[in-house]
């Protein structure tokens, strides 16, 4: 009989947030969709739940219940990255691993056919639990006979459970509280008014009534619980990187000969990717030096490609920018691939004088020369204070041009990494000064406040200028009782 295991890293986005903010561990904490008072609470930790701060509430309502509430936004990209990092760890225990597409942090594992490696499933589940804990996450593991049964059991446990028979699994999940499952808060509250608090009571309802009165999502959960809706395990197929390495007879310092060796290694890697109908998305280069140290670089072409000349050009740029304190004794390459994007670009050739592919190739060359951290752009995000209203993210490709006519040339306001205290700026609430000289022109104040749930901030911003000097962006901080320079206008 088929065995299925479910690993539930409960409230996975919240655990990611708390891992980034370890000082929030003893505070009520929540993940919100927006960092504003009108943002919706998505996940909460036990201290917050004890204060009746629940998912579905507004951020402001949670703060009204507890001033100590800490909240933050976890991006979808961060969640996908966290899930992708856990899949290889789980694959060490079972070859078939399927991450949930709807509930982040839920994984199903194929537990059949492992008896020779793991005679006792209890010990196998315990090792998975300990490995997840070693990665810094708290999770539960349930080994059962169905996807939904193991999922519901994992949602209601704190560590591990192994069911001996399908009947034992079905009996156990009937007692799972509905608040542990992915039911909409409104549906959960309606069932609570009917006196239904467990999965068993919900499954006893007629399926037709569930659909007509509670909606399609509740009906789908009902079908999963009764076994009317069944999906087989759909594991992700791991894509092994193509790798090659060479040991040199002597320590080599000449970059030309090193590039020739790299070209010889690159050819079979491209053939391997071509045989898989993939194109190269990234190339990891590792050089071992004669003193035992290593030099590592990650090269990413503008788009998935099998063009040897383009990749060799990136290798040449990287080698020119790499200092070699000693000779190279070993070269290793690892290429990752993906299905190329088939474009019908020839249909519109000549429609634009700007070549985006050329721009992307230029960005790839800059990454090869200076590293990924050299190409960043500001992405707006919700926030109260000016420095919290944007975040830096890597530039993956050149955005399409969107030219427009403007009557006035836009000005650029350049932020300082940290505001600079102006030691010669008036008194506590005196007129702003620039380098000790009274400002001849001033616009403001523009009041900005935020963080009122945690000590609070109150700033009064001004644009000031003395003579023909630049416009300065300064603010008076009531809490710190002083003037600060936050940027310049160009």
Protein backbone atom coordinates (compact mmCIF):
# COMPACT_ATOMS: atom_id res chain seq x y z
CA UNK A 1 0.00 0.00 0.00
CA UNK A 2 1.28 3.46 -0.93
CA UNK A 3 2.60 5.56 1.93
CA UNK A 4 2.70 9.36 1.84
CA UNK A 5 4.37 11.75 4.26
CA UNK A 6 3.62 15.42 4.77
CA UNK A 7 6.05 17.97 6.20
CA UNK A 8 4.38 21.12 7.49
CA UNK A 9 6.67 24.05 8.28
CA UNK A 10 3.83 25.92 9.91
CA UNK A 11 3.37 29.61 9.05
CA UNK A 12 6.44 29.42 6.84
CA UNK A 13 6.48 33.14 5.87
CA UNK A 14 6.25 34.05 9.55
CA UNK A 15 9.20 31.80 10.37
CA UNK A 16 11.18 33.51 7.59
CA UNK A 17 10.32 36.89 9.12
CA UNK A 18 11.32 35.82 12.64
CA UNK A 19 14.57 34.35 11.33
CA UNK A 20 15.42 37.81 9.95
CA UNK A 21 14.32 39.47 13.22
CA UNK A 22 15.44 37.20 16.08
CA UNK A 23 14.75 39.97 18.61
CA UNK A 24 11.01 39.59 17.85
CA UNK A 25 10.93 36.04 19.21
CA UNK A 26 9.30 36.93 22.54
CA UNK A 27 6.94 39.55 21.07
CA UNK A 28 3.60 39.07 19.34
CA UNK A 29 4.53 39.03 15.65
CA UNK A 30 2.67 38.86 12.37
CA UNK A 31 3.16 38.87 8.61
CA UNK A 32 1.11 41.52 6.82
CA UNK A 33 0.48 42.08 3.14
CA UNK A 34 1.23 45.82 3.48
CA UNK A 35 3.19 47.72 6.09
CA UNK A 36 0.34 50.12 6.81
CA UNK A 37 -2.44 50.32 9.37
CA UNK A 38 -4.86 49.07 6.67
CA UNK A 39 -2.69 46.06 5.83
CA UNK A 40 -4.17 42.61 6.39
CA UNK A 41 -2.61 40.19 8.88
CA UNK A 42 -1.78 36.90 7.13
CA UNK A 43 0.11 34.83 9.75
CA UNK A 44 0.61 35.26 13.49
CA UNK A 45 2.76 33.57 16.15
CA UNK A 46 1.41 32.02 19.40
CA UNK A 47 1.99 35.16 21.56
CA UNK A 48 -0.09 37.18 19.09
CA UNK A 49 -2.80 34.52 18.92
CA UNK A 50 -2.95 34.49 22.75
CA UNK A 51 -3.86 38.19 22.54
CA UNK A 52 -6.65 37.38 20.06
CA UNK A 53 -4.70 38.83 17.14
CA UNK A 54 -5.82 36.58 14.29
CA UNK A 55 -5.25 36.28 10.53
CA UNK A 56 -7.70 38.37 8.57
CA UNK A 57 -7.53 41.34 10.93
CA UNK A 58 -6.26 44.75 9.90
CA UNK A 59 -2.78 45.67 11.06
CA UNK A 60 -4.23 48.66 12.95
CA UNK A 61 -6.72 46.42 14.76
CA UNK A 62 -3.89 44.17 15.89
CA UNK A 63 -1.94 47.16 17.18
CA UNK A 64 -5.03 48.26 19.10
CA UNK A 65 -4.99 44.91 20.89
CA UNK A 66 -1.25 45.06 21.65
CA UNK A 67 1.19 47.94 21.23
CA UNK A 68 3.99 45.34 21.34
CA UNK A 69 2.90 43.76 18.03
CA UNK A 70 5.76 43.46 15.54
CA UNK A 71 4.80 43.08 11.89
CA UNK A 72 6.53 42.93 8.52
CA UNK A 73 6.04 42.06 4.85
CA UNK A 74 7.55 38.88 3.37
CA UNK A 75 7.77 39.03 -0.42
CA UNK A 76 6.66 36.21 -2.71
CA UNK A 77 10.22 36.01 -4.04
CA UNK A 78 11.56 35.41 -0.51
CA UNK A 79 8.97 32.69 0.06
CA UNK A 80 9.82 30.95 -3.23
CA UNK A 81 13.52 31.14 -2.38
CA UNK A 82 12.92 29.64 1.07
CA UNK A 83 10.81 26.80 -0.34
CA UNK A 84 13.40 26.07 -3.03
CA UNK A 85 16.12 25.85 -0.38
CA UNK A 86 14.21 23.20 1.61
CA UNK A 87 13.42 20.89 -1.32
CA UNK A 88 17.02 19.56 -1.69
CA UNK A 89 17.19 18.92 2.08
CA UNK A 90 14.01 16.83 1.96
CA UNK A 91 15.19 15.02 -1.17
CA UNK A 92 17.97 13.46 0.93
CA UNK A 93 15.26 11.48 2.74
CA UNK A 94 13.01 10.60 -0.21
CA UNK A 95 13.53 10.96 -3.97
CA UNK A 96 9.97 12.19 -4.59
CA UNK A 97 9.27 15.61 -3.05
CA UNK A 98 6.36 17.88 -4.00
CA UNK A 99 6.10 21.38 -2.51
CA UNK A 100 2.57 22.71 -2.19
CA UNK A 101 1.61 25.38 -4.69
CA UNK A 102 -1.10 26.81 -2.42
CA UNK A 103 0.29 26.54 1.12
CA UNK A 104 3.93 27.69 1.44
CA UNK A 105 5.89 25.45 3.77
CA UNK A 106 3.89 22.27 3.06
CA UNK A 107 5.72 19.40 1.32
CA UNK A 108 4.64 15.88 0.41
CA UNK A 109 7.15 13.02 0.25
CA UNK A 110 6.76 9.57 -1.25
CA UNK A 111 7.34 7.20 1.67
CA UNK A 112 6.86 3.91 -0.18
CA UNK A 113 9.75 1.56 -0.95
CA UNK A 114 12.06 2.92 1.76
CA UNK A 115 11.94 -0.10 4.06
CA UNK A 116 15.47 -1.30 3.23
CA UNK A 117 16.97 2.09 4.01
CA UNK A 118 14.59 3.01 6.83
CA UNK A 119 12.99 -0.06 8.44
CA UNK A 120 11.19 2.11 11.01
CA UNK A 121 9.21 5.02 9.59
CA UNK A 122 9.12 6.61 13.05
CA UNK A 123 12.89 7.04 13.00
CA UNK A 124 12.77 8.28 9.39
CA UNK A 125 10.17 10.92 10.27
CA UNK A 126 12.20 11.92 13.33
CA UNK A 127 15.30 12.49 11.21
CA UNK A 128 13.31 14.72 8.86
CA UNK A 129 12.00 16.72 11.81
CA UNK A 130 15.51 17.15 13.24
CA UNK A 131 16.90 18.20 9.85
CA UNK A 132 14.21 20.87 9.44
CA UNK A 133 15.03 22.12 12.93
CA UNK A 134 18.72 22.22 11.98
CA UNK A 135 17.79 24.57 9.13
CA UNK A 136 16.24 26.94 11.67
CA UNK A 137 12.56 26.01 11.19
CA UNK A 138 9.93 24.37 13.35
CA UNK A 139 7.84 21.77 11.56
CA UNK A 140 5.76 18.64 11.97
CA UNK A 141 5.90 15.37 10.02
CA UNK A 142 2.99 12.97 9.47
CA UNK A 143 3.28 9.64 7.65
CA UNK A 144 -0.03 8.29 6.40
CA UNK A 145 -1.77 6.78 3.41
CA UNK A 146 -3.23 9.82 1.61
CA UNK A 147 -2.17 13.33 0.72
CA UNK A 148 -4.97 15.02 2.60
CA UNK A 149 -4.83 12.70 5.61
CA UNK A 150 -1.11 13.26 6.14
CA UNK A 151 -1.56 16.99 5.56
CA UNK A 152 -4.35 17.37 8.10
CA UNK A 153 -2.43 15.28 10.64
CA UNK A 154 0.75 17.33 10.18
CA UNK A 155 -1.24 20.55 10.65
CA UNK A 156 -2.48 19.38 14.06
CA UNK A 157 0.78 17.93 15.45
CA UNK A 158 3.88 19.50 16.94
CA UNK A 159 6.42 16.80 16.02
CA UNK A 160 5.82 13.50 14.23
CA UNK A 161 3.12 10.89 13.86
CA UNK A 162 3.02 7.61 11.88
CA UNK A 163 -0.30 5.89 11.15
CA UNK A 164 -0.40 2.10 10.95
CA UNK A 165 -3.61 1.69 8.94
CA UNK A 166 -5.80 3.88 6.73
CA UNK A 167 -8.59 3.54 9.28
CA UNK A 168 -6.34 4.95 12.01
CA UNK A 169 -5.52 7.91 9.80
CA UNK A 170 -9.19 8.66 8.99
CA UNK A 171 -10.18 8.44 12.66
CA UNK A 172 -7.35 10.71 13.77
CA UNK A 173 -7.98 13.53 11.30
CA UNK A 174 -11.64 13.82 12.28
CA UNK A 175 -10.51 15.51 15.47
CA UNK A 176 -8.35 18.14 13.71
CA UNK A 177 -9.56 21.67 14.63
CA UNK A 178 -10.82 23.63 11.62
CA UNK A 179 -8.66 26.60 12.62
CA UNK A 180 -5.62 24.48 11.69
CA UNK A 181 -6.78 24.14 8.07
CA UNK A 182 -6.86 26.62 5.22
CA UNK A 183 -10.43 27.81 5.62
CA UNK A 184 -11.43 31.41 5.03
CA UNK A 185 -12.01 33.23 8.36
CA UNK A 186 -15.62 33.99 7.40
CA UNK A 187 -16.33 30.32 6.64
CA UNK A 188 -14.65 29.21 9.86
CA UNK A 189 -16.71 31.68 11.91
CA UNK A 190 -19.95 30.57 10.23
CA UNK A 191 -19.23 26.92 11.02
CA UNK A 192 -18.38 27.87 14.61
CA UNK A 193 -21.83 29.47 14.99
CA UNK A 194 -23.27 26.12 13.86
CA UNK A 195 -21.25 24.33 16.53
CA UNK A 196 -18.82 22.76 14.05
CA UNK A 197 -15.22 23.13 15.22
CA UNK A 198 -13.51 19.96 13.94
CA UNK A 199 -12.84 18.42 10.55
CA UNK A 200 -15.08 15.44 11.37
CA UNK A 201 -18.13 17.65 11.92
CA UNK A 202 -17.38 19.51 8.69
CA UNK A 203 -17.06 16.26 6.67
CA UNK A 204 -20.43 15.06 8.00
CA UNK A 205 -22.16 17.92 6.21
CA UNK A 206 -23.81 17.11 2.85
CA UNK A 207 -21.46 17.97 -0.02
CA UNK A 208 -24.20 19.73 -2.02
CA UNK A 209 -25.04 22.01 0.92
CA UNK A 210 -21.37 22.83 1.49
CA UNK A 211 -21.00 23.98 -2.13
CA UNK A 212 -24.17 26.06 -2.23
CA UNK A 213 -23.79 27.67 1.21
CA UNK A 214 -20.03 27.85 1.82
CA UNK A 215 -18.57 28.26 -1.66
CA UNK A 216 -16.18 26.37 -3.97
CA UNK A 217 -13.09 26.53 -1.71
CA UNK A 218 -14.89 24.93 1.22
CA UNK A 219 -16.42 22.39 -1.17
CA UNK A 220 -12.96 21.45 -2.46
CA UNK A 221 -11.72 20.92 1.12
CA UNK A 222 -14.79 18.77 1.80
CA UNK A 223 -14.09 16.61 -1.28
CA UNK A 224 -10.45 16.19 -0.27
CA UNK A 225 -11.43 15.12 3.24
CA UNK A 226 -14.04 12.60 2.09
CA UNK A 227 -11.73 11.15 -0.57
CA UNK A 228 -13.98 12.25 -3.42
CA UNK A 229 -11.14 14.36 -4.83
CA UNK A 230 -7.77 12.62 -5.10
CA UNK A 231 -4.53 13.75 -6.67
CA UNK A 232 -1.42 11.59 -7.07
CA UNK A 233 1.97 12.75 -5.84
CA UNK A 234 3.49 15.14 -8.37
CA UNK A 235 7.17 15.42 -7.39
CA UNK A 236 9.51 17.96 -8.86
CA UNK A 237 12.13 16.46 -11.14
CA UNK A 238 15.55 17.70 -10.05
CA UNK A 239 17.73 19.11 -12.77
CA UNK A 240 21.32 18.09 -12.15
CA UNK A 241 23.86 20.71 -13.18
CA UNK A 242 26.34 19.82 -15.88
CA UNK A 243 29.82 19.84 -14.33
CA UNK A 244 33.40 19.35 -15.45
CA UNK A 245 36.83 19.90 -13.94
CA UNK A 246 40.49 19.58 -14.87
CA UNK A 247 43.69 19.24 -12.86
CA UNK A 248 46.62 21.15 -14.31
CA UNK A 249 50.10 19.63 -14.44
CA UNK A 250 51.65 22.79 -13.02
CA UNK A 251 50.49 26.08 -11.48
CA UNK A 252 49.33 28.26 -14.37
CA UNK A 253 49.38 32.08 -14.24
CA UNK A 254 48.89 32.98 -17.89
CA UNK A 255 45.25 34.07 -18.38
CA UNK A 256 45.30 33.26 -22.10
CA UNK A 257 46.22 29.62 -21.50
CA UNK A 258 43.68 29.44 -18.65
CA UNK A 259 40.93 30.68 -20.98
CA UNK A 260 41.94 28.02 -23.53
CA UNK A 261 41.52 25.35 -20.84
CA UNK A 262 38.13 26.83 -19.89
CA UNK A 263 37.00 26.73 -23.52
CA UNK A 264 37.87 23.03 -23.65
CA UNK A 265 35.81 22.41 -20.49
CA UNK A 266 32.91 24.50 -21.75
CA UNK A 267 32.29 22.50 -24.94
CA UNK A 268 31.03 19.25 -23.28
CA UNK A 269 28.91 21.28 -20.82
CA UNK A 270 27.09 22.97 -23.68
CA UNK A 271 26.64 19.62 -25.43
CA UNK A 272 25.09 18.16 -22.26
CA UNK A 273 22.65 21.07 -21.95
CA UNK A 274 21.81 20.88 -25.65
CA UNK A 275 21.04 17.16 -25.25
CA UNK A 276 18.53 18.08 -22.54
CA UNK A 277 17.04 20.78 -24.81
CA UNK A 278 18.16 23.34 -22.25
CA UNK A 279 20.21 26.51 -22.55
CA UNK A 280 22.71 27.85 -20.04
CA UNK A 281 21.34 30.25 -17.42
CA UNK A 282 24.36 30.39 -15.09
CA UNK A 283 27.95 29.18 -15.00
CA UNK A 284 29.83 28.76 -11.73
CA UNK A 285 33.59 28.93 -12.14
CA UNK A 286 35.92 27.72 -9.38
CA UNK A 287 39.69 28.11 -9.49
CA UNK A 288 41.93 26.35 -6.97
CA UNK A 289 45.27 28.10 -6.43
CA UNK A 290 48.58 26.57 -5.51
CA UNK A 291 48.33 27.99 -1.96
CA UNK A 292 45.11 26.01 -1.36
CA UNK A 293 42.74 29.00 -1.66
CA UNK A 294 39.82 29.19 -4.06
CA UNK A 295 38.41 31.84 -6.37
CA UNK A 296 34.72 31.47 -7.24
CA UNK A 297 32.59 33.46 -9.67
CA UNK A 298 29.01 33.14 -10.91
CA UNK A 299 28.42 34.25 -14.49
CA UNK A 300 24.94 34.79 -15.90
CA UNK A 301 24.35 35.52 -19.59
CA UNK A 302 21.73 38.03 -20.69
CA UNK A 303 19.28 35.19 -21.40
CA UNK A 304 19.50 31.39 -21.62
CA UNK A 305 21.97 30.64 -24.38
CA UNK A 306 24.23 28.03 -25.95
CA UNK A 307 26.38 30.64 -27.71
CA UNK A 308 29.95 29.63 -26.87
CA UNK A 309 31.40 32.99 -27.95
CA UNK A 310 29.10 34.94 -25.64
CA UNK A 311 29.95 32.78 -22.63
CA UNK A 312 33.68 32.89 -23.38
CA UNK A 313 33.46 36.68 -23.53
CA UNK A 314 32.00 36.71 -20.01
CA UNK A 315 34.77 34.37 -18.83
CA UNK A 316 37.40 36.65 -20.35
CA UNK A 317 35.93 39.71 -18.60
CA UNK A 318 35.79 37.85 -15.30
CA UNK A 319 39.38 36.66 -15.60
CA UNK A 320 40.61 40.17 -16.40
CA UNK A 321 38.97 41.44 -13.20
CA UNK A 322 40.24 38.57 -11.01
CA UNK A 323 43.52 38.91 -9.15
CA UNK A 324 45.56 35.71 -8.96
CA UNK A 325 47.98 35.77 -6.02
CA UNK A 326 49.20 32.33 -7.07
CA UNK A 327 49.10 29.88 -9.93
CA UNK A 328 45.93 27.95 -10.80
CA UNK A 329 46.15 24.19 -10.26
CA UNK A 330 42.50 23.17 -10.81
CA UNK A 331 39.58 24.52 -12.85
CA UNK A 332 35.98 23.45 -12.17
CA UNK A 333 32.83 24.53 -14.00
CA UNK A 334 29.19 23.91 -13.18
CA UNK A 335 26.51 24.95 -15.67
CA UNK A 336 22.82 25.27 -14.89
CA UNK A 337 20.23 25.30 -17.64
CA UNK A 338 16.59 25.95 -18.38
CA UNK A 339 14.29 25.75 -21.36
CA UNK A 340 15.01 28.76 -23.59
CA UNK A 341 12.37 31.38 -24.23
CA UNK A 342 11.24 30.93 -27.84
CA UNK A 343 10.58 34.39 -29.23
CA UNK A 344 9.11 35.51 -32.53
CA UNK A 345 11.37 38.51 -32.68
CA UNK A 346 11.95 38.30 -36.42
CA UNK A 347 8.33 39.33 -37.06
CA UNK A 348 8.97 42.83 -35.74
CA UNK A 349 12.64 43.30 -36.61
CA UNK A 350 13.33 46.95 -37.27
CA UNK A 351 10.24 48.14 -35.36
CA UNK A 352 12.47 49.79 -32.77
CA UNK A 353 15.87 51.38 -33.04
CA UNK A 354 16.72 50.14 -29.54
CA UNK A 355 18.07 46.62 -29.16
CA UNK A 356 17.06 45.24 -25.75
CA UNK A 357 19.13 42.10 -26.27
CA UNK A 358 22.21 44.26 -26.73
CA UNK A 359 21.35 46.14 -23.54
CA UNK A 360 20.95 42.87 -21.65
CA UNK A 361 24.28 41.63 -22.97
CA UNK A 362 25.87 44.84 -21.71
CA UNK A 363 24.35 44.24 -18.25
CA UNK A 364 25.69 40.67 -18.27
CA UNK A 365 29.18 41.99 -19.07
CA UNK A 366 28.95 44.47 -16.20
CA UNK A 367 27.89 41.68 -13.82
CA UNK A 368 30.83 39.59 -15.00
CA UNK A 369 33.21 42.50 -14.40
CA UNK A 370 31.94 43.90 -11.09
CA UNK A 371 29.64 41.22 -9.62
CA UNK A 372 25.87 41.04 -9.07
CA UNK A 373 25.92 43.69 -6.36
CA UNK A 374 27.01 46.35 -8.85
CA UNK A 375 23.67 46.42 -10.71
CA UNK A 376 20.81 47.45 -8.42
CA UNK A 377 17.65 49.47 -8.76
CA UNK A 378 15.28 50.98 -6.24
CA UNK A 379 11.91 49.27 -5.97
CA UNK A 380 9.10 51.26 -4.24
CA UNK A 381 7.45 49.58 -1.28
CA UNK A 382 4.97 50.65 1.42
CA UNK A 383 6.55 52.46 4.35
CA UNK A 384 6.15 55.44 6.65
CA UNK A 385 9.61 57.00 6.62
CA UNK A 386 11.36 58.02 3.37
CA UNK A 387 14.20 55.48 3.76
CA UNK A 388 11.62 52.69 4.20
CA UNK A 389 9.76 53.48 0.98
CA UNK A 390 12.15 51.69 -1.35
CA UNK A 391 14.38 48.62 -1.37
CA UNK A 392 17.35 47.73 -3.54
CA UNK A 393 17.01 44.73 -5.83
CA UNK A 394 19.26 43.27 -8.57
CA UNK A 395 18.64 44.30 -12.18
CA UNK A 396 18.01 41.09 -14.11
CA UNK A 397 17.34 42.66 -17.51
CA UNK A 398 16.92 46.04 -19.11
CA UNK A 399 13.33 47.31 -18.79
CA UNK A 400 11.50 48.27 -21.98
CA UNK A 401 11.82 51.98 -22.78
CA UNK A 402 8.76 54.14 -22.06
CA UNK A 403 9.63 57.60 -23.37
CA UNK A 404 7.22 60.46 -22.65
CA UNK A 405 7.17 64.19 -23.14
CA UNK A 406 7.83 66.36 -20.10
CA UNK A 407 7.52 70.12 -19.78
CA UNK A 408 9.96 70.45 -16.89
CA UNK A 409 13.17 68.49 -16.53
CA UNK A 410 12.78 66.19 -13.49
CA UNK A 411 15.07 66.76 -10.53
CA UNK A 412 16.95 63.98 -8.76
CA UNK A 413 16.87 63.75 -4.97
CA UNK A 414 19.86 61.74 -3.79
CA UNK A 415 19.54 60.01 -0.43
CA UNK A 416 22.46 59.75 1.95
CA UNK A 417 22.97 56.21 3.33
CA UNK A 418 22.64 57.67 6.83
CA UNK A 419 21.26 61.12 7.76
CA UNK A 420 24.04 63.53 8.81
CA UNK A 421 23.51 65.60 11.94
CA UNK A 422 23.97 69.32 11.29
CA UNK A 423 25.94 70.58 14.27
CA UNK A 424 25.48 74.28 13.35
CA UNK A 425 21.77 74.22 12.68
CA UNK A 426 19.94 76.71 14.92
CA UNK A 427 18.39 75.74 18.22
CA UNK A 428 15.90 73.04 19.01
CA UNK A 429 13.33 74.53 16.65
CA UNK A 430 15.42 77.29 15.08
CA UNK A 431 15.61 78.11 11.41
CA UNK A 432 17.49 75.51 9.33
CA UNK A 433 21.05 76.38 8.37
CA UNK A 434 23.44 75.01 5.77
CA UNK A 435 26.95 74.54 7.12
CA UNK A 436 26.39 77.22 9.77
CA UNK A 437 25.07 79.79 7.26
CA UNK A 438 21.37 80.74 7.57
CA UNK A 439 19.27 79.40 4.70
CA UNK A 440 18.28 82.14 2.26
CA UNK A 441 15.50 80.05 0.71
CA UNK A 442 13.39 77.44 2.44
CA UNK A 443 10.30 75.42 1.62
CA UNK A 444 8.49 73.43 4.26
CA UNK A 445 7.84 71.99 6.69
CA UNK A 446 6.65 68.68 5.24
CA UNK A 447 5.77 66.51 8.21
CA UNK A 448 6.55 62.80 8.08
CA UNK A 449 5.70 60.51 10.99
CA UNK A 450 5.82 56.78 11.43
CA UNK A 451 6.61 53.95 13.79
CA UNK A 452 4.06 55.27 16.27
CA UNK A 453 3.58 51.72 17.60
CA UNK A 454 7.26 51.55 18.62
CA UNK A 455 8.61 54.77 20.20
CA UNK A 456 7.50 56.80 17.16
CA UNK A 457 9.18 59.16 14.71
CA UNK A 458 8.29 62.78 13.89
CA UNK A 459 10.27 64.65 11.26
CA UNK A 460 9.72 68.07 9.71
CA UNK A 461 11.39 68.16 6.29
CA UNK A 462 12.54 71.33 4.50
CA UNK A 463 14.18 72.10 1.17
CA UNK A 464 16.75 74.81 1.87
CA UNK A 465 19.44 76.67 -0.08
CA UNK A 466 22.06 79.37 0.64
CA UNK A 467 23.02 81.60 -2.26
CA UNK A 468 23.75 79.70 -5.45
CA UNK A 469 24.51 76.47 -3.60
CA UNK A 470 22.58 73.23 -4.06
CA UNK A 471 19.16 72.58 -2.61
CA UNK A 472 19.52 70.51 0.54
CA UNK A 473 16.89 68.18 1.95
CA UNK A 474 16.98 68.55 5.75
CA UNK A 475 14.65 67.66 8.58
CA UNK A 476 14.19 68.48 12.23
CA UNK A 477 13.85 65.42 14.45
CA UNK A 478 11.78 66.13 17.55
CA UNK A 479 12.87 62.96 19.30
CA UNK A 480 16.60 63.62 18.82
CA UNK A 481 16.21 67.40 19.10
CA UNK A 482 18.35 68.33 16.16
CA UNK A 483 18.59 68.99 12.43
CA UNK A 484 19.76 66.33 9.98
CA UNK A 485 20.83 66.40 6.34
CA UNK A 486 19.12 63.57 4.45
CA UNK A 487 20.00 64.35 0.85
CA UNK A 488 20.59 66.82 -1.98
CA UNK A 489 18.59 67.81 -5.01
CA UNK A 490 20.34 67.82 -8.39
